[in-house]
Protein backbone atom coordinates (compact mmCIF):
# COMPACT_ATOMS: atom_id res chain seq x y z
CA MET A 1 -18.49 -1.75 2.60
CA ASN A 2 -21.31 -0.84 0.28
CA LEU A 3 -21.32 -3.36 -2.55
CA ASP A 4 -24.65 -2.12 -3.91
CA ASP A 5 -22.92 0.60 -5.97
CA PRO A 6 -20.16 -1.09 -8.05
CA THR A 7 -19.47 2.02 -10.13
CA LEU A 8 -16.23 3.94 -9.91
CA GLN A 9 -18.01 6.77 -8.13
CA GLY A 10 -19.19 4.32 -5.47
CA VAL A 11 -15.67 3.01 -4.99
CA VAL A 12 -14.29 6.53 -4.64
CA GLU A 13 -16.95 7.50 -2.10
CA GLU A 14 -16.22 4.35 -0.09
CA PHE A 15 -12.48 5.15 -0.22
CA LYS A 16 -13.17 8.63 1.16
CA LYS A 17 -15.02 7.09 4.09
CA THR A 18 -12.68 4.26 5.11
CA GLY A 19 -10.04 3.50 2.48
CA TRP A 20 -7.60 6.23 3.47
CA VAL A 21 -6.94 4.28 6.66
CA MET A 22 -5.25 1.59 4.57
CA ALA A 23 -2.81 4.17 3.21
CA ILE A 24 -1.93 5.15 6.76
CA LEU A 25 -1.52 1.51 7.78
CA GLY A 26 0.81 0.87 4.84
CA ALA A 27 2.86 3.95 5.72
CA ILE A 28 3.02 2.93 9.39
CA GLY A 29 4.19 -0.56 8.36
CA MET A 30 7.05 1.00 6.39
CA LEU A 31 7.84 3.42 9.23
CA ALA A 32 8.07 0.52 11.69
CA ARG A 33 10.45 -1.28 9.36
CA LEU A 34 12.65 1.81 9.03
CA ILE A 35 12.76 2.32 12.78
CA LEU A 36 13.78 -1.29 13.38
CA THR A 37 16.58 -1.34 10.80
CA ASN A 38 20.20 -0.54 11.62
CA GLU A 39 20.84 1.13 8.27
CA LYS A 40 21.33 4.89 8.11
CA TYR A 41 18.98 6.74 5.76
CA ASN A 42 18.55 10.45 5.18
CA THR A 43 15.18 12.16 5.50
CA ILE A 44 14.38 12.05 1.78
CA ILE A 45 14.82 8.27 1.64
CA TRP A 46 12.60 7.89 4.72
CA THR A 47 9.94 10.07 3.12
CA ARG A 48 10.06 8.20 -0.20
CA LYS A 49 9.79 4.80 1.47
CA ILE A 50 6.92 5.86 3.73
CA ILE A 51 5.02 7.32 0.76
CA ALA A 52 5.64 4.06 -1.14
CA GLY A 53 4.17 2.16 1.82
CA GLY A 54 1.09 4.38 1.70
CA ILE A 55 0.66 3.83 -2.04
CA VAL A 56 0.87 0.07 -1.61
CA GLY A 57 -1.69 0.30 1.20
CA VAL A 58 -4.10 2.06 -1.18
CA LEU A 59 -3.46 -0.54 -3.88
CA CYS A 60 -4.25 -3.28 -1.36
CA TYR A 61 -7.47 -1.50 -0.44
CA PHE A 62 -8.62 -1.46 -4.05
CA GLY A 63 -7.40 -5.03 -4.56
CA PHE A 64 -9.47 -6.24 -1.62
CA TYR A 65 -12.44 -3.95 -2.27
CA GLU A 66 -14.97 -6.67 -3.07
CA ALA A 67 -13.26 -9.47 -1.16
CA ASP A 68 -15.06 -10.86 1.85
CA ILE A 69 -12.19 -10.54 4.33
CA ALA A 70 -12.42 -9.54 7.97
CA PRO A 71 -11.24 -5.95 8.55
CA LEU A 72 -8.52 -7.09 10.96
CA TYR A 73 -6.92 -9.34 8.33
CA ARG A 74 -7.29 -6.65 5.69
CA SER A 75 -5.47 -4.20 7.97
CA VAL A 76 -2.67 -6.66 8.68
CA VAL A 77 -2.17 -7.36 4.97
CA CYS A 78 -2.03 -3.63 4.17
CA SER A 79 0.54 -3.03 6.91
CA ILE A 80 2.74 -5.91 5.81
CA ALA A 81 2.43 -4.91 2.15
CA GLY A 82 3.42 -1.36 3.08
CA SER A 83 6.51 -2.63 4.85
CA ILE A 84 7.71 -4.48 1.73
CA ALA A 85 6.83 -1.62 -0.62
CA PRO A 86 10.42 -0.76 -1.69
CA GLU A 87 11.12 -4.32 -2.76
CA LEU A 88 7.77 -4.52 -4.53
CA PHE A 89 8.40 -1.33 -6.51
CA GLU A 90 11.94 -2.44 -7.37
CA PHE A 91 10.61 -5.80 -8.64
CA ILE A 92 8.01 -4.05 -10.82
CA ARG A 93 10.63 -1.60 -12.10
CA ARG A 94 13.03 -4.43 -13.08
CA LYS A 95 10.26 -6.35 -14.85
CA PHE A 96 9.17 -3.22 -16.73
CA LEU A 97 12.71 -2.36 -17.81
CA LYS A 98 13.30 -5.95 -18.90
CA THR A 99 10.12 -5.87 -20.98
CA VAL A 100 11.01 -2.53 -22.56
CA LYS A 101 14.51 -3.72 -23.54
CA GLU A 102 13.13 -6.78 -25.33
């Protein structure tokens, strides 16, 4: 990770090189969870949940951008975060709706 260029352009260039892998890891974490569950989902629900896992993986990448964490641990965190993406988005949605109603 190149920490010499802290500008947004530097972050975007670094994401193009290695960050997209975290999106894939988050999506794979969600896919593994869906495969292991006994619940029946249609294709659209699978797609939405896998995309949510990818988005959370990207958010984890940017959250850990300047953190000094070993790549293996970073990958594990992104995969686990991707697998809990639906619950995370539902929690954020409930908090936002609660704030808006007040």
